[in-house]
Amino acid sequence: MALDGHGLHHFHLRKRIHSKGEVYPNPNKKIRVLDKIIYIVGIIGPAMLLPQVIKIFTSKNAEGVSFFSYAFLAIFSIIWLLYGIVHKEKPIIITNALWIVFHLLVAIGVLIYGKGFL
């Protein structure tokens, strides 16, 4: 399959932004609001795993929770974290650092209190 630009939109967009020297904070109010909201979403999203973590560790039961799912989610979040670091994208760094913590907490809970790895 020839590379015809599909899937490379992000890279081309980054080139255009870099060449234009995008202003920060953005003069567009809607974009500035979105730039702030993304930090809130980036913290609340991973925190939604907190009830799962609490349930596993307080009930000392991780039956039905997949170790492999959460372990691989942590691995994928590590890759996203590295991407965020390389591109100096704070929202990606913050969000994925939190996802790593919560995914690993669930995976550890499954190792301690689960009845199997699946």
N, C-alpha and C. Protein backbone atom coordinates (compact mmCIF):
# COMPACT_ATOMS: atom_id res chain seq x y z
N MET A 1 0.85 -1.18 0.00
CA MET A 1 0.00 0.00 0.00
C MET A 1 0.89 1.24 0.00
N ALA A 2 0.66 2.12 -0.88
CA ALA A 2 1.46 3.32 -0.99
C ALA A 2 1.07 4.32 0.09
N LEU A 3 2.05 5.07 0.56
CA LEU A 3 1.77 6.12 1.54
C LEU A 3 1.28 7.34 0.77
N ASP A 4 0.00 7.61 0.90
CA ASP A 4 -0.58 8.73 0.17
C ASP A 4 -1.00 9.85 1.11
N GLY A 5 -0.43 9.88 2.30
CA GLY A 5 -0.75 10.96 3.22
C GLY A 5 -1.78 10.60 4.26
N HIS A 6 -2.49 9.48 4.09
CA HIS A 6 -3.48 9.08 5.09
C HIS A 6 -2.77 8.69 6.37
N GLY A 7 -3.29 9.19 7.48
CA GLY A 7 -2.69 8.89 8.76
C GLY A 7 -1.53 9.79 9.11
N LEU A 8 -1.11 10.63 8.19
CA LEU A 8 0.02 11.52 8.44
C LEU A 8 -0.45 12.96 8.67
N HIS A 9 -1.75 13.14 8.78
CA HIS A 9 -2.32 14.46 8.97
C HIS A 9 -1.68 15.18 10.16
N HIS A 10 -1.52 14.47 11.29
CA HIS A 10 -0.97 15.07 12.49
C HIS A 10 0.43 15.62 12.24
N PHE A 11 1.25 14.85 11.55
CA PHE A 11 2.61 15.30 11.29
C PHE A 11 2.64 16.54 10.41
N HIS A 12 1.79 16.57 9.40
CA HIS A 12 1.73 17.73 8.52
C HIS A 12 1.19 18.95 9.28
N LEU A 13 0.23 18.72 10.15
CA LEU A 13 -0.32 19.81 10.95
C LEU A 13 0.76 20.39 11.85
N ARG A 14 1.55 19.52 12.49
CA ARG A 14 2.63 19.99 13.36
C ARG A 14 3.64 20.83 12.56
N LYS A 15 3.94 20.41 11.33
CA LYS A 15 4.86 21.18 10.49
C LYS A 15 4.29 22.57 10.21
N ARG A 16 2.99 22.62 9.89
CA ARG A 16 2.37 23.91 9.59
C ARG A 16 2.37 24.81 10.82
N ILE A 17 2.05 24.24 11.98
CA ILE A 17 2.03 25.02 13.21
C ILE A 17 3.42 25.56 13.50
N HIS A 18 4.42 24.70 13.36
CA HIS A 18 5.80 25.11 13.63
C HIS A 18 6.23 26.22 12.67
N SER A 19 5.91 26.06 11.40
CA SER A 19 6.35 27.05 10.42
C SER A 19 5.62 28.38 10.63
N LYS A 20 4.39 28.34 11.15
CA LYS A 20 3.65 29.57 11.39
C LYS A 20 4.02 30.19 12.75
N GLY A 21 4.69 29.42 13.60
CA GLY A 21 5.03 29.95 14.92
C GLY A 21 3.77 30.26 15.71
N GLU A 22 2.91 29.27 15.90
CA GLU A 22 1.62 29.47 16.56
C GLU A 22 1.78 30.19 17.88
N VAL A 23 0.95 31.19 18.09
CA VAL A 23 1.01 32.02 19.28
C VAL A 23 0.36 31.28 20.44
N TYR A 24 1.01 31.38 21.62
CA TYR A 24 0.42 30.82 22.83
C TYR A 24 0.47 31.89 23.90
N PRO A 25 -0.58 32.20 24.57
CA PRO A 25 -1.90 31.61 24.39
C PRO A 25 -2.53 32.06 23.08
N ASN A 26 -3.34 31.19 22.54
CA ASN A 26 -3.97 31.43 21.25
C ASN A 26 -4.89 32.65 21.34
N PRO A 27 -4.89 33.49 20.32
CA PRO A 27 -5.77 34.66 20.33
C PRO A 27 -7.26 34.30 20.25
N ASN A 28 -7.57 33.10 19.76
CA ASN A 28 -8.96 32.65 19.66
C ASN A 28 -9.43 32.18 21.04
N LYS A 29 -10.45 32.82 21.58
CA LYS A 29 -10.93 32.51 22.93
C LYS A 29 -11.39 31.06 23.06
N LYS A 30 -12.03 30.53 22.05
CA LYS A 30 -12.51 29.14 22.11
C LYS A 30 -11.34 28.16 22.25
N ILE A 31 -10.27 28.43 21.55
CA ILE A 31 -9.09 27.56 21.63
C ILE A 31 -8.43 27.71 22.99
N ARG A 32 -8.39 28.93 23.53
CA ARG A 32 -7.82 29.13 24.87
C ARG A 32 -8.61 28.38 25.93
N VAL A 33 -9.94 28.40 25.80
CA VAL A 33 -10.79 27.67 26.75
C VAL A 33 -10.53 26.17 26.62
N LEU A 34 -10.46 25.69 25.41
CA LEU A 34 -10.18 24.26 25.19
C LEU A 34 -8.81 23.89 25.75
N ASP A 35 -7.83 24.77 25.59
CA ASP A 35 -6.49 24.53 26.13
C ASP A 35 -6.53 24.37 27.65
N LYS A 36 -7.44 25.06 28.31
CA LYS A 36 -7.57 24.94 29.77
C LYS A 36 -8.40 23.72 30.15
N ILE A 37 -9.48 23.47 29.42
CA ILE A 37 -10.36 22.34 29.73
C ILE A 37 -9.62 21.01 29.60
N ILE A 38 -8.69 20.91 28.66
CA ILE A 38 -8.01 19.65 28.43
C ILE A 38 -7.23 19.20 29.66
N TYR A 39 -6.74 20.15 30.46
CA TYR A 39 -6.04 19.77 31.69
C TYR A 39 -7.01 19.14 32.69
N ILE A 40 -8.22 19.70 32.78
CA ILE A 40 -9.23 19.15 33.69
C ILE A 40 -9.61 17.74 33.25
N VAL A 41 -9.88 17.58 31.96
CA VAL A 41 -10.23 16.27 31.40
C VAL A 41 -9.07 15.29 31.58
N GLY A 42 -7.86 15.77 31.40
CA GLY A 42 -6.68 14.93 31.54
C GLY A 42 -6.46 14.42 32.95
N ILE A 43 -7.00 15.10 33.93
CA ILE A 43 -6.90 14.65 35.32
C ILE A 43 -8.12 13.82 35.71
N ILE A 44 -9.31 14.27 35.34
CA ILE A 44 -10.53 13.57 35.72
C ILE A 44 -10.64 12.22 35.02
N GLY A 45 -10.24 12.14 33.75
CA GLY A 45 -10.34 10.88 33.01
C GLY A 45 -9.64 9.73 33.72
N PRO A 46 -8.35 9.83 33.98
CA PRO A 46 -7.67 8.75 34.69
C PRO A 46 -8.22 8.54 36.11
N ALA A 47 -8.66 9.60 36.76
CA ALA A 47 -9.20 9.47 38.12
C ALA A 47 -10.47 8.62 38.15
N MET A 48 -11.09 8.42 36.99
CA MET A 48 -12.29 7.58 36.94
C MET A 48 -11.96 6.11 37.25
N LEU A 49 -10.69 5.76 37.23
CA LEU A 49 -10.29 4.40 37.63
C LEU A 49 -10.16 4.27 39.13
N LEU A 50 -10.18 5.38 39.85
CA LEU A 50 -10.02 5.34 41.30
C LEU A 50 -11.06 4.45 41.99
N PRO A 51 -12.34 4.50 41.61
CA PRO A 51 -13.30 3.59 42.25
C PRO A 51 -12.93 2.10 42.05
N GLN A 52 -12.40 1.76 40.88
CA GLN A 52 -11.98 0.38 40.62
C GLN A 52 -10.82 0.01 41.54
N VAL A 53 -9.86 0.91 41.68
CA VAL A 53 -8.71 0.66 42.54
C VAL A 53 -9.18 0.50 43.99
N ILE A 54 -10.02 1.40 44.46
CA ILE A 54 -10.52 1.33 45.83
C ILE A 54 -11.28 0.04 46.06
N LYS A 55 -12.13 -0.33 45.11
CA LYS A 55 -12.92 -1.56 45.25
C LYS A 55 -12.01 -2.79 45.37
N ILE A 56 -11.01 -2.87 44.52
CA ILE A 56 -10.10 -4.02 44.55
C ILE A 56 -9.37 -4.11 45.88
N PHE A 57 -8.83 -2.98 46.34
CA PHE A 57 -8.00 -3.03 47.55
C PHE A 57 -8.80 -3.07 48.84
N THR A 58 -10.02 -2.54 48.85
CA THR A 58 -10.82 -2.61 50.08
C THR A 58 -11.53 -3.95 50.21
N SER A 59 -12.00 -4.48 49.08
CA SER A 59 -12.69 -5.78 49.12
C SER A 59 -11.70 -6.94 49.04
N LYS A 60 -10.46 -6.63 48.68
CA LYS A 60 -9.42 -7.65 48.48
C LYS A 60 -9.91 -8.73 47.51
N ASN A 61 -10.53 -8.23 46.44
CA ASN A 61 -11.09 -9.12 45.42
C ASN A 61 -10.96 -8.45 44.06
N ALA A 62 -10.29 -9.13 43.14
CA ALA A 62 -10.14 -8.60 41.78
C ALA A 62 -10.69 -9.60 40.77
N GLU A 63 -11.61 -10.42 41.22
CA GLU A 63 -12.20 -11.42 40.33
C GLU A 63 -12.91 -10.72 39.18
N GLY A 64 -12.66 -11.21 37.99
CA GLY A 64 -13.28 -10.65 36.80
C GLY A 64 -12.53 -9.47 36.19
N VAL A 65 -11.43 -9.06 36.79
CA VAL A 65 -10.63 -7.95 36.26
C VAL A 65 -9.41 -8.55 35.58
N SER A 66 -9.14 -8.13 34.37
CA SER A 66 -8.06 -8.70 33.57
C SER A 66 -6.72 -8.02 33.84
N PHE A 67 -5.76 -8.80 34.31
CA PHE A 67 -4.40 -8.29 34.51
C PHE A 67 -3.81 -7.83 33.18
N PHE A 68 -3.94 -8.67 32.16
CA PHE A 68 -3.33 -8.35 30.87
C PHE A 68 -3.89 -7.07 30.26
N SER A 69 -5.18 -6.85 30.40
CA SER A 69 -5.77 -5.62 29.86
C SER A 69 -5.14 -4.40 30.50
N TYR A 70 -5.06 -4.38 31.81
CA TYR A 70 -4.52 -3.20 32.50
C TYR A 70 -3.01 -3.09 32.34
N ALA A 71 -2.31 -4.20 32.26
CA ALA A 71 -0.87 -4.17 32.03
C ALA A 71 -0.57 -3.57 30.66
N PHE A 72 -1.31 -4.01 29.64
CA PHE A 72 -1.08 -3.47 28.30
C PHE A 72 -1.54 -2.03 28.19
N LEU A 73 -2.61 -1.66 28.88
CA LEU A 73 -3.01 -0.25 28.89
C LEU A 73 -1.91 0.62 29.51
N ALA A 74 -1.26 0.10 30.55
CA ALA A 74 -0.14 0.84 31.15
C ALA A 74 1.01 0.97 30.15
N ILE A 75 1.31 -0.10 29.43
CA ILE A 75 2.38 -0.06 28.43
C ILE A 75 2.06 0.96 27.34
N PHE A 76 0.82 0.94 26.86
CA PHE A 76 0.44 1.90 25.82
C PHE A 76 0.51 3.34 26.35
N SER A 77 0.14 3.52 27.61
CA SER A 77 0.22 4.86 28.21
C SER A 77 1.67 5.31 28.35
N ILE A 78 2.58 4.38 28.58
CA ILE A 78 4.00 4.72 28.64
C ILE A 78 4.46 5.24 27.28
N ILE A 79 4.01 4.60 26.22
CA ILE A 79 4.37 5.05 24.87
C ILE A 79 3.81 6.45 24.62
N TRP A 80 2.55 6.68 25.01
CA TRP A 80 1.96 8.01 24.87
C TRP A 80 2.71 9.03 25.71
N LEU A 81 3.13 8.64 26.91
CA LEU A 81 3.89 9.55 27.76
C LEU A 81 5.20 9.95 27.08
N LEU A 82 5.89 8.98 26.52
CA LEU A 82 7.13 9.28 25.80
C LEU A 82 6.88 10.22 24.63
N TYR A 83 5.80 9.98 23.92
CA TYR A 83 5.42 10.85 22.80
C TYR A 83 5.19 12.28 23.31
N GLY A 84 4.47 12.41 24.41
CA GLY A 84 4.21 13.72 24.98
C GLY A 84 5.48 14.43 25.41
N ILE A 85 6.41 13.65 25.98
CA ILE A 85 7.69 14.23 26.41
C ILE A 85 8.49 14.72 25.20
N VAL A 86 8.56 13.87 24.17
CA VAL A 86 9.33 14.23 22.97
C VAL A 86 8.76 15.49 22.32
N HIS A 87 7.44 15.60 22.29
CA HIS A 87 6.80 16.75 21.63
C HIS A 87 6.47 17.89 22.60
N LYS A 88 6.88 17.72 23.84
CA LYS A 88 6.67 18.74 24.87
C LYS A 88 5.21 19.17 24.97
N GLU A 89 4.32 18.18 25.04
CA GLU A 89 2.88 18.42 25.14
C GLU A 89 2.43 18.10 26.56
N LYS A 90 2.30 19.14 27.39
CA LYS A 90 1.98 18.94 28.80
C LYS A 90 0.69 18.16 29.03
N PRO A 91 -0.40 18.43 28.29
CA PRO A 91 -1.61 17.65 28.55
C PRO A 91 -1.41 16.15 28.32
N ILE A 92 -0.65 15.80 27.30
CA ILE A 92 -0.39 14.38 27.03
C ILE A 92 0.49 13.80 28.13
N ILE A 93 1.45 14.54 28.60
CA ILE A 93 2.35 14.07 29.66
C ILE A 93 1.57 13.85 30.95
N ILE A 94 0.79 14.83 31.37
CA ILE A 94 0.04 14.73 32.62
C ILE A 94 -0.96 13.59 32.57
N THR A 95 -1.76 13.56 31.51
CA THR A 95 -2.80 12.54 31.39
C THR A 95 -2.22 11.13 31.41
N ASN A 96 -1.20 10.91 30.62
CA ASN A 96 -0.66 9.55 30.53
C ASN A 96 0.15 9.14 31.75
N ALA A 97 0.76 10.08 32.43
CA ALA A 97 1.42 9.75 33.70
C ALA A 97 0.37 9.26 34.69
N LEU A 98 -0.77 9.93 34.73
CA LEU A 98 -1.85 9.48 35.62
C LEU A 98 -2.43 8.14 35.19
N TRP A 99 -2.64 7.96 33.88
CA TRP A 99 -3.16 6.68 33.40
C TRP A 99 -2.22 5.54 33.80
N ILE A 100 -0.92 5.77 33.69
CA ILE A 100 0.06 4.74 34.06
C ILE A 100 -0.12 4.35 35.52
N VAL A 101 -0.22 5.34 36.39
CA VAL A 101 -0.37 5.06 37.83
C VAL A 101 -1.62 4.23 38.08
N PHE A 102 -2.75 4.65 37.54
CA PHE A 102 -4.00 3.95 37.82
C PHE A 102 -4.05 2.58 37.16
N HIS A 103 -3.56 2.45 35.93
CA HIS A 103 -3.54 1.14 35.29
C HIS A 103 -2.65 0.18 36.07
N LEU A 104 -1.50 0.66 36.52
CA LEU A 104 -0.61 -0.21 37.28
C LEU A 104 -1.21 -0.58 38.63
N LEU A 105 -1.92 0.34 39.28
CA LEU A 105 -2.58 0.01 40.54
C LEU A 105 -3.61 -1.10 40.36
N VAL A 106 -4.39 -1.02 39.29
CA VAL A 106 -5.36 -2.08 39.03
C VAL A 106 -4.64 -3.39 38.73
N ALA A 107 -3.61 -3.35 37.88
CA ALA A 107 -2.86 -4.57 37.54
C ALA A 107 -2.23 -5.19 38.78
N ILE A 108 -1.67 -4.37 39.65
CA ILE A 108 -1.08 -4.88 40.89
C ILE A 108 -2.15 -5.49 41.78
N GLY A 109 -3.30 -4.83 41.84
CA GLY A 109 -4.42 -5.37 42.62
C GLY A 109 -4.86 -6.73 42.10
N VAL A 110 -4.86 -6.89 40.79
CA VAL A 110 -5.22 -8.19 40.19
C VAL A 110 -4.18 -9.24 40.55
N LEU A 111 -2.91 -8.86 40.52
CA LEU A 111 -1.86 -9.82 40.90
C LEU A 111 -2.00 -10.25 42.35
N ILE A 112 -2.36 -9.32 43.22
CA ILE A 112 -2.46 -9.62 44.64
C ILE A 112 -3.76 -10.36 44.97
N TYR A 113 -4.88 -9.88 44.44
CA TYR A 113 -6.19 -10.37 44.87
C TYR A 113 -6.97 -11.13 43.80
N GLY A 114 -6.42 -11.23 42.59
CA GLY A 114 -7.15 -11.90 41.51
C GLY A 114 -7.01 -13.41 41.59
N LYS A 115 -7.89 -14.07 40.86
CA LYS A 115 -7.87 -15.54 40.82
C LYS A 115 -7.36 -16.04 39.47
N GLY A 116 -6.73 -15.20 38.75
CA GLY A 116 -6.20 -15.56 37.43
C GLY A 116 -5.76 -14.31 36.71
N PHE A 117 -5.09 -14.51 35.61
CA PHE A 117 -4.56 -13.37 34.86
C PHE A 117 -5.50 -12.85 33.80
N LEU A 118 -6.48 -13.61 33.41
CA LEU A 118 -7.35 -13.18 32.31
C LEU A 118 -8.47 -12.36 32.88
